[in-house]
């Protein structure tokens, strides 16, 4: 899935990612969402790829891109 960071608190690691395609669903970040990723922290509006774990939380965050959405150049 791909979306944008809606909010992120670097102190607690809490955050929300919103799908930017389809239903615009929102997912809380999993506790380990940044482990093993290129991110040390996130910023609001940042585009990311992610998967939803069995608890319905966003995890395995990676870099998102406009190309992944098929956005015209």
PDB file of N, CA and C in Angstrom:
ATOM      1  N   UNK A   1       0.844  -1.176   0.000  1.00  0.00           N
ATOM      2  CA  UNK A   1       0.000   0.000   0.000  1.00  0.00           C
ATOM      3  C   UNK A   1       0.888   1.238   0.000  1.00  0.00           C
ATOM      4  N   UNK A   2       0.306   2.327  -0.449  1.00  0.00           N
ATOM      5  CA  UNK A   2       1.039   3.584  -0.432  1.00  0.00           C
ATOM      6  C   UNK A   2       0.164   4.656   0.211  1.00  0.00           C
ATOM      7  N   UNK A   3       0.814   5.569   0.926  1.00  0.00           N
ATOM      8  CA  UNK A   3       0.077   6.648   1.552  1.00  0.00           C
ATOM      9  C   UNK A   3       1.007   7.757   1.972  1.00  0.00           C
ATOM     10  N   UNK A   4       0.472   8.628   2.819  1.00  0.00           N
ATOM     11  CA  UNK A   4       1.248   9.743   3.336  1.00  0.00           C
ATOM     12  C   UNK A   4       1.171   9.736   4.854  1.00  0.00           C
ATOM     13  N   UNK A   5       2.215  10.266   5.471  1.00  0.00           N
ATOM     14  CA  UNK A   5       2.250  10.370   6.926  1.00  0.00           C
ATOM     15  C   UNK A   5       1.313  11.509   7.318  1.00  0.00           C
ATOM     16  N   UNK A   6       0.295  11.194   8.096  1.00  0.00           N
ATOM     17  CA  UNK A   6      -0.650  12.203   8.563  1.00  0.00           C
ATOM     18  C   UNK A   6      -0.123  12.871   9.823  1.00  0.00           C
ATOM     19  N   UNK A   7       0.476  12.067  10.703  1.00  0.00           N
ATOM     20  CA  UNK A   7       1.072  12.609  11.926  1.00  0.00           C
ATOM     21  C   UNK A   7       2.151  11.660  12.413  1.00  0.00           C
ATOM     22  N   UNK A   8       3.103  12.227  13.160  1.00  0.00           N
ATOM     23  CA  UNK A   8       4.179  11.410  13.734  1.00  0.00           C
ATOM     24  C   UNK A   8       4.799  12.154  14.906  1.00  0.00           C
ATOM     25  N   UNK A   9       4.937  11.461  16.030  1.00  0.00           N
ATOM     26  CA  UNK A   9       5.575  12.018  17.215  1.00  0.00           C
ATOM     27  C   UNK A   9       6.894  11.279  17.426  1.00  0.00           C
ATOM     28  N   UNK A  10       8.044  11.935  17.142  1.00  0.00           N
ATOM     29  CA  UNK A  10       9.324  11.244  17.268  1.00  0.00           C
ATOM     30  C   UNK A  10       9.649  10.846  18.699  1.00  0.00           C
ATOM     31  N   UNK A  11       9.069  11.513  19.670  1.00  0.00           N
ATOM     32  CA  UNK A  11       9.324  11.174  21.067  1.00  0.00           C
ATOM     33  C   UNK A  11       8.717   9.845  21.480  1.00  0.00           C
ATOM     34  N   UNK A  12       7.519   9.572  21.003  1.00  0.00           N
ATOM     35  CA  UNK A  12       6.827   8.338  21.383  1.00  0.00           C
ATOM     36  C   UNK A  12       6.836   7.296  20.274  1.00  0.00           C
ATOM     37  N   UNK A  13       7.050   7.744  19.022  1.00  0.00           N
ATOM     38  CA  UNK A  13       6.983   6.827  17.884  1.00  0.00           C
ATOM     39  C   UNK A  13       5.566   6.602  17.399  1.00  0.00           C
ATOM     40  N   UNK A  14       4.590   7.283  18.015  1.00  0.00           N
ATOM     41  CA  UNK A  14       3.204   7.161  17.591  1.00  0.00           C
ATOM     42  C   UNK A  14       2.990   7.947  16.303  1.00  0.00           C
ATOM     43  N   UNK A  15       2.152   7.415  15.439  1.00  0.00           N
ATOM     44  CA  UNK A  15       1.852   8.129  14.217  1.00  0.00           C
ATOM     45  C   UNK A  15       0.715   7.491  13.460  1.00  0.00           C
ATOM     46  N   UNK A  16       0.287   8.187  12.415  1.00  0.00           N
ATOM     47  CA  UNK A  16      -0.807   7.719  11.576  1.00  0.00           C
ATOM     48  C   UNK A  16      -0.399   7.892  10.117  1.00  0.00           C
ATOM     49  N   UNK A  17      -0.672   6.859   9.316  1.00  0.00           N
ATOM     50  CA  UNK A  17      -0.439   6.901   7.880  1.00  0.00           C
ATOM     51  C   UNK A  17      -1.802   6.808   7.211  1.00  0.00           C
ATOM     52  N   UNK A  18      -2.016   7.641   6.193  1.00  0.00           N
ATOM     53  CA  UNK A  18      -3.283   7.641   5.477  1.00  0.00           C
ATOM     54  C   UNK A  18      -3.050   7.169   4.047  1.00  0.00           C
ATOM     55  N   UNK A  19      -3.843   6.184   3.611  1.00  0.00           N
ATOM     56  CA  UNK A  19      -3.798   5.711   2.230  1.00  0.00           C
ATOM     57  C   UNK A  19      -4.166   6.869   1.329  1.00  0.00           C
ATOM     58  N   UNK A  20      -3.386   7.095   0.285  1.00  0.00           N
ATOM     59  CA  UNK A  20      -3.708   8.215  -0.600  1.00  0.00           C
ATOM     60  C   UNK A  20      -4.374   7.757  -1.892  1.00  0.00           C
ATOM     61  N   UNK A  21      -4.719   6.492  -1.977  1.00  0.00           N
ATOM     62  CA  UNK A  21      -5.417   5.946  -3.130  1.00  0.00           C
ATOM     63  C   UNK A  21      -6.604   5.141  -2.608  1.00  0.00           C
ATOM     64  N   UNK A  22      -7.735   5.296  -3.227  1.00  0.00           N
ATOM     65  CA  UNK A  22      -8.896   4.502  -2.823  1.00  0.00           C
ATOM     66  C   UNK A  22      -9.710   5.142  -1.720  1.00  0.00           C
ATOM     67  N   UNK A  23      -9.808   4.458  -0.592  1.00  0.00           N
ATOM     68  CA  UNK A  23     -10.720   4.879   0.472  1.00  0.00           C
ATOM     69  C   UNK A  23     -10.121   5.855   1.491  1.00  0.00           C
ATOM     70  N   UNK A  24      -8.864   6.224   1.344  1.00  0.00           N
ATOM     71  CA  UNK A  24      -8.185   7.148   2.261  1.00  0.00           C
ATOM     72  C   UNK A  24      -8.229   6.652   3.712  1.00  0.00           C
ATOM     73  N   UNK A  25      -8.146   5.337   3.881  1.00  0.00           N
ATOM     74  CA  UNK A  25      -8.150   4.747   5.213  1.00  0.00           C
ATOM     75  C   UNK A  25      -6.921   5.191   5.995  1.00  0.00           C
ATOM     76  N   UNK A  26      -7.065   5.269   7.314  1.00  0.00           N
ATOM     77  CA  UNK A  26      -5.965   5.661   8.191  1.00  0.00           C
ATOM     78  C   UNK A  26      -5.523   4.470   9.030  1.00  0.00           C
ATOM     79  N   UNK A  27      -4.193   4.349   9.195  1.00  0.00           N
ATOM     80  CA  UNK A  27      -3.622   3.243   9.965  1.00  0.00           C
ATOM     81  C   UNK A  27      -2.633   3.796  10.975  1.00  0.00           C
ATOM     82  N   UNK A  28      -2.765   3.374  12.234  1.00  0.00           N
ATOM     83  CA  UNK A  28      -1.766   3.713  13.242  1.00  0.00           C
ATOM     84  C   UNK A  28      -0.480   2.987  12.904  1.00  0.00           C
ATOM     85  N   UNK A  29       0.646   3.584  13.290  1.00  0.00           N
ATOM     86  CA  UNK A  29       1.931   2.920  13.078  1.00  0.00           C
ATOM     87  C   UNK A  29       2.116   1.802  14.095  1.00  0.00           C
ATOM     88  N   UNK A  30       2.639   0.678  13.638  1.00  0.00           N
ATOM     89  CA  UNK A  30       3.007  -0.405  14.535  1.00  0.00           C
ATOM     90  C   UNK A  30       4.226   0.025  15.350  1.00  0.00           C
ATOM     91  N   UNK A  31       4.420  -0.580  16.488  1.00  0.00           N
ATOM     92  CA  UNK A  31       5.545  -0.248  17.365  1.00  0.00           C
ATOM     93  C   UNK A  31       6.872  -0.366  16.621  1.00  0.00           C
ATOM     94  N   UNK A  32       7.011  -1.360  15.758  1.00  0.00           N
ATOM     95  CA  UNK A  32       8.266  -1.612  15.039  1.00  0.00           C
ATOM     96  C   UNK A  32       8.234  -1.102  13.598  1.00  0.00           C
ATOM     97  N   UNK A  33       7.385  -0.140  13.297  1.00  0.00           N
ATOM     98  CA  UNK A  33       7.172   0.311  11.918  1.00  0.00           C
ATOM     99  C   UNK A  33       8.444   0.799  11.232  1.00  0.00           C
ATOM    100  N   UNK A  34       9.373   1.383  11.982  1.00  0.00           N
ATOM    101  CA  UNK A  34      10.587   1.930  11.367  1.00  0.00           C
ATOM    102  C   UNK A  34      11.786   0.987  11.446  1.00  0.00           C
ATOM    103  N   UNK A  35      11.656  -0.122  12.164  1.00  0.00           N
ATOM    104  CA  UNK A  35      12.771  -1.065  12.288  1.00  0.00           C
ATOM    105  C   UNK A  35      13.120  -1.647  10.925  1.00  0.00           C
ATOM    106  N   UNK A  36      14.407  -1.580  10.580  1.00  0.00           N
ATOM    107  CA  UNK A  36      14.885  -2.135   9.323  1.00  0.00           C
ATOM    108  C   UNK A  36      14.560  -1.282   8.104  1.00  0.00           C
ATOM    109  N   UNK A  37      14.005  -0.095   8.322  1.00  0.00           N
ATOM    110  CA  UNK A  37      13.676   0.768   7.186  1.00  0.00           C
ATOM    111  C   UNK A  37      14.746   1.845   7.026  1.00  0.00           C
ATOM    112  N   UNK A  38      14.626   2.632   5.972  1.00  0.00           N
ATOM    113  CA  UNK A  38      15.577   3.709   5.713  1.00  0.00           C
ATOM    114  C   UNK A  38      15.284   4.932   6.589  1.00  0.00           C
ATOM    115  N   UNK A  39      14.168   4.917   7.302  1.00  0.00           N
ATOM    116  CA  UNK A  39      13.753   6.067   8.088  1.00  0.00           C
ATOM    117  C   UNK A  39      14.257   6.026   9.519  1.00  0.00           C
ATOM    118  N   UNK A  40      14.699   7.167  10.024  1.00  0.00           N
ATOM    119  CA  UNK A  40      14.971   7.342  11.454  1.00  0.00           C
ATOM    120  C   UNK A  40      13.793   8.048  12.102  1.00  0.00           C
ATOM    121  N   UNK A  41      13.140   8.900  11.311  1.00  0.00           N
ATOM    122  CA  UNK A  41      11.922   9.569  11.744  1.00  0.00           C
ATOM    123  C   UNK A  41      11.110   9.902  10.500  1.00  0.00           C
ATOM    124  N   UNK A  42       9.898  10.375  10.718  1.00  0.00           N
ATOM    125  CA  UNK A  42       9.000  10.701   9.618  1.00  0.00           C
ATOM    126  C   UNK A  42       8.557  12.154   9.732  1.00  0.00           C
ATOM    127  N   UNK A  43       8.083  12.713   8.622  1.00  0.00           N
ATOM    128  CA  UNK A  43       7.529  14.063   8.661  1.00  0.00           C
ATOM    129  C   UNK A  43       6.140  14.043   8.040  1.00  0.00           C
ATOM    130  N   UNK A  44       5.294  14.925   8.500  1.00  0.00           N
ATOM    131  CA  UNK A  44       3.942  15.005   7.983  1.00  0.00           C
ATOM    132  C   UNK A  44       3.968  15.256   6.479  1.00  0.00           C
ATOM    133  N   UNK A  45       3.134  14.530   5.741  1.00  0.00           N
ATOM    134  CA  UNK A  45       3.057  14.670   4.295  1.00  0.00           C
ATOM    135  C   UNK A  45       4.034  13.810   3.517  1.00  0.00           C
ATOM    136  N   UNK A  46       4.933  13.123   4.216  1.00  0.00           N
ATOM    137  CA  UNK A  46       5.915  12.271   3.546  1.00  0.00           C
ATOM    138  C   UNK A  46       5.219  11.063   2.931  1.00  0.00           C
ATOM    139  N   UNK A  47       5.553  10.754   1.679  1.00  0.00           N
ATOM    140  CA  UNK A  47       4.961   9.610   0.985  1.00  0.00           C
ATOM    141  C   UNK A  47       5.723   8.336   1.356  1.00  0.00           C
ATOM    142  N   UNK A  48       4.981   7.297   1.738  1.00  0.00           N
ATOM    143  CA  UNK A  48       5.582   6.030   2.153  1.00  0.00           C
ATOM    144  C   UNK A  48       4.817   4.853   1.568  1.00  0.00           C
ATOM    145  N   UNK A  49       5.523   3.746   1.416  1.00  0.00           N
ATOM    146  CA  UNK A  49       4.915   2.450   1.140  1.00  0.00           C
ATOM    147  C   UNK A  49       4.858   1.718   2.469  1.00  0.00           C
ATOM    148  N   UNK A  50       3.857   0.870   2.657  1.00  0.00           N
ATOM    149  CA  UNK A  50       3.738   0.135   3.909  1.00  0.00           C
ATOM    150  C   UNK A  50       2.865  -1.089   3.712  1.00  0.00           C
ATOM    151  N   UNK A  51       2.909  -1.975   4.682  1.00  0.00           N
ATOM    152  CA  UNK A  51       1.969  -3.087   4.714  1.00  0.00           C
ATOM    153  C   UNK A  51       1.178  -2.970   6.009  1.00  0.00           C
ATOM    154  N   UNK A  52       0.034  -3.600   6.035  1.00  0.00           N
ATOM    155  CA  UNK A  52      -0.801  -3.595   7.224  1.00  0.00           C
ATOM    156  C   UNK A  52      -0.632  -4.949   7.899  1.00  0.00           C
ATOM    157  N   UNK A  53      -0.249  -4.930   9.188  1.00  0.00           N
ATOM    158  CA  UNK A  53      -0.025  -6.190   9.906  1.00  0.00           C
ATOM    159  C   UNK A  53      -1.350  -6.793  10.371  1.00  0.00           C
ATOM    160  N   UNK A  54      -1.266  -7.929  11.041  1.00  0.00           N
ATOM    161  CA  UNK A  54      -2.471  -8.649  11.478  1.00  0.00           C
ATOM    162  C   UNK A  54      -3.294  -7.862  12.500  1.00  0.00           C
ATOM    163  N   UNK A  55      -2.691  -6.855  13.119  1.00  0.00           N
ATOM    164  CA  UNK A  55      -3.413  -6.013  14.075  1.00  0.00           C
ATOM    165  C   UNK A  55      -3.986  -4.757  13.425  1.00  0.00           C
ATOM    166  N   UNK A  56      -3.845  -4.628  12.096  1.00  0.00           N
ATOM    167  CA  UNK A  56      -4.376  -3.477  11.384  1.00  0.00           C
ATOM    168  C   UNK A  56      -3.526  -2.229  11.510  1.00  0.00           C
ATOM    169  N   UNK A  57      -2.233  -2.412  11.801  1.00  0.00           N
ATOM    170  CA  UNK A  57      -1.309  -1.281  11.943  1.00  0.00           C
ATOM    171  C   UNK A  57      -0.324  -1.257  10.773  1.00  0.00           C
ATOM    172  N   UNK A  58       0.104  -0.053  10.407  1.00  0.00           N
ATOM    173  CA  UNK A  58       1.073   0.122   9.313  1.00  0.00           C
ATOM    174  C   UNK A  58       2.465  -0.265   9.795  1.00  0.00           C
ATOM    175  N   UNK A  59       3.168  -1.051   8.991  1.00  0.00           N
ATOM    176  CA  UNK A  59       4.523  -1.480   9.335  1.00  0.00           C
ATOM    177  C   UNK A  59       5.330  -1.654   8.050  1.00  0.00           C
ATOM    178  N   UNK A  60       6.620  -1.976   8.204  1.00  0.00           N
ATOM    179  CA  UNK A  60       7.527  -2.165   7.061  1.00  0.00           C
ATOM    180  C   UNK A  60       7.524  -0.949   6.139  1.00  0.00           C
ATOM    181  N   UNK A  61       7.688   0.226   6.707  1.00  0.00           N
ATOM    182  CA  UNK A  61       7.653   1.456   5.916  1.00  0.00           C
ATOM    183  C   UNK A  61       8.839   1.559   4.975  1.00  0.00           C
ATOM    184  N   UNK A  62       8.575   1.999   3.767  1.00  0.00           N
ATOM    185  CA  UNK A  62       9.595   2.232   2.762  1.00  0.00           C
ATOM    186  C   UNK A  62       9.292   3.522   2.031  1.00  0.00           C
ATOM    187  N   UNK A  63      10.203   3.928   1.173  1.00  0.00           N
ATOM    188  CA  UNK A  63      10.016   5.160   0.417  1.00  0.00           C
ATOM    189  C   UNK A  63       8.901   5.004  -0.602  1.00  0.00           C
ATOM    190  N   UNK A  64       7.989   5.942  -0.618  1.00  0.00           N
ATOM    191  CA  UNK A  64       6.931   5.971  -1.613  1.00  0.00           C
ATOM    192  C   UNK A  64       7.337   6.906  -2.734  1.00  0.00           C
ATOM    193  N   UNK A  65       6.633   6.847  -3.850  1.00  0.00           N
ATOM    194  CA  UNK A  65       6.969   7.734  -4.960  1.00  0.00           C
ATOM    195  C   UNK A  65       5.733   8.088  -5.758  1.00  0.00           C
ATOM    196  N   UNK A  66       5.817   9.184  -6.473  1.00  0.00           N
ATOM    197  CA  UNK A  66       4.723   9.591  -7.362  1.00  0.00           C
ATOM    198  C   UNK A  66       4.529   8.547  -8.455  1.00  0.00           C
ATOM    199  N   UNK A  67       5.625   7.941  -8.916  1.00  0.00           N
ATOM    200  CA  UNK A  67       5.536   6.958  -9.998  1.00  0.00           C
ATOM    201  C   UNK A  67       4.686   5.757  -9.590  1.00  0.00           C
ATOM    202  N   UNK A  68       4.747   5.370  -8.313  1.00  0.00           N
ATOM    203  CA  UNK A  68       3.966   4.233  -7.840  1.00  0.00           C
ATOM    204  C   UNK A  68       2.464   4.470  -7.971  1.00  0.00           C
ATOM    205  N   UNK A  69       2.050   5.739  -7.933  1.00  0.00           N
ATOM    206  CA  UNK A  69       0.640   6.070  -8.040  1.00  0.00           C
ATOM    207  C   UNK A  69       0.212   6.240  -9.494  1.00  0.00           C
ATOM    208  N   UNK A  70       1.160   6.280 -10.398  1.00  0.00           N
ATOM    209  CA  UNK A  70       0.830   6.548 -11.777  1.00  0.00           C
ATOM    210  C   UNK A  70       0.474   8.005 -12.009  1.00  0.00           C
ATOM    211  N   UNK A  71       1.010   8.895 -11.173  1.00  0.00           N
ATOM    212  CA  UNK A  71       0.725  10.315 -11.285  1.00  0.00           C
ATOM    213  C   UNK A  71       1.380  10.867 -12.551  1.00  0.00           C
ATOM    214  N   UNK A  72       0.623  11.618 -13.350  1.00  0.00           N
ATOM    215  CA  UNK A  72       1.216  12.179 -14.572  1.00  0.00           C
ATOM    216  C   UNK A  72       2.360  13.139 -14.261  1.00  0.00           C
ATOM    217  N   UNK A  73       3.342  13.188 -15.143  1.00  0.00           N
ATOM    218  CA  UNK A  73       4.472  14.093 -14.950  1.00  0.00           C
ATOM    219  C   UNK A  73       4.221  15.429 -15.613  1.00  0.00           C
TER     220      UNK A  73
END
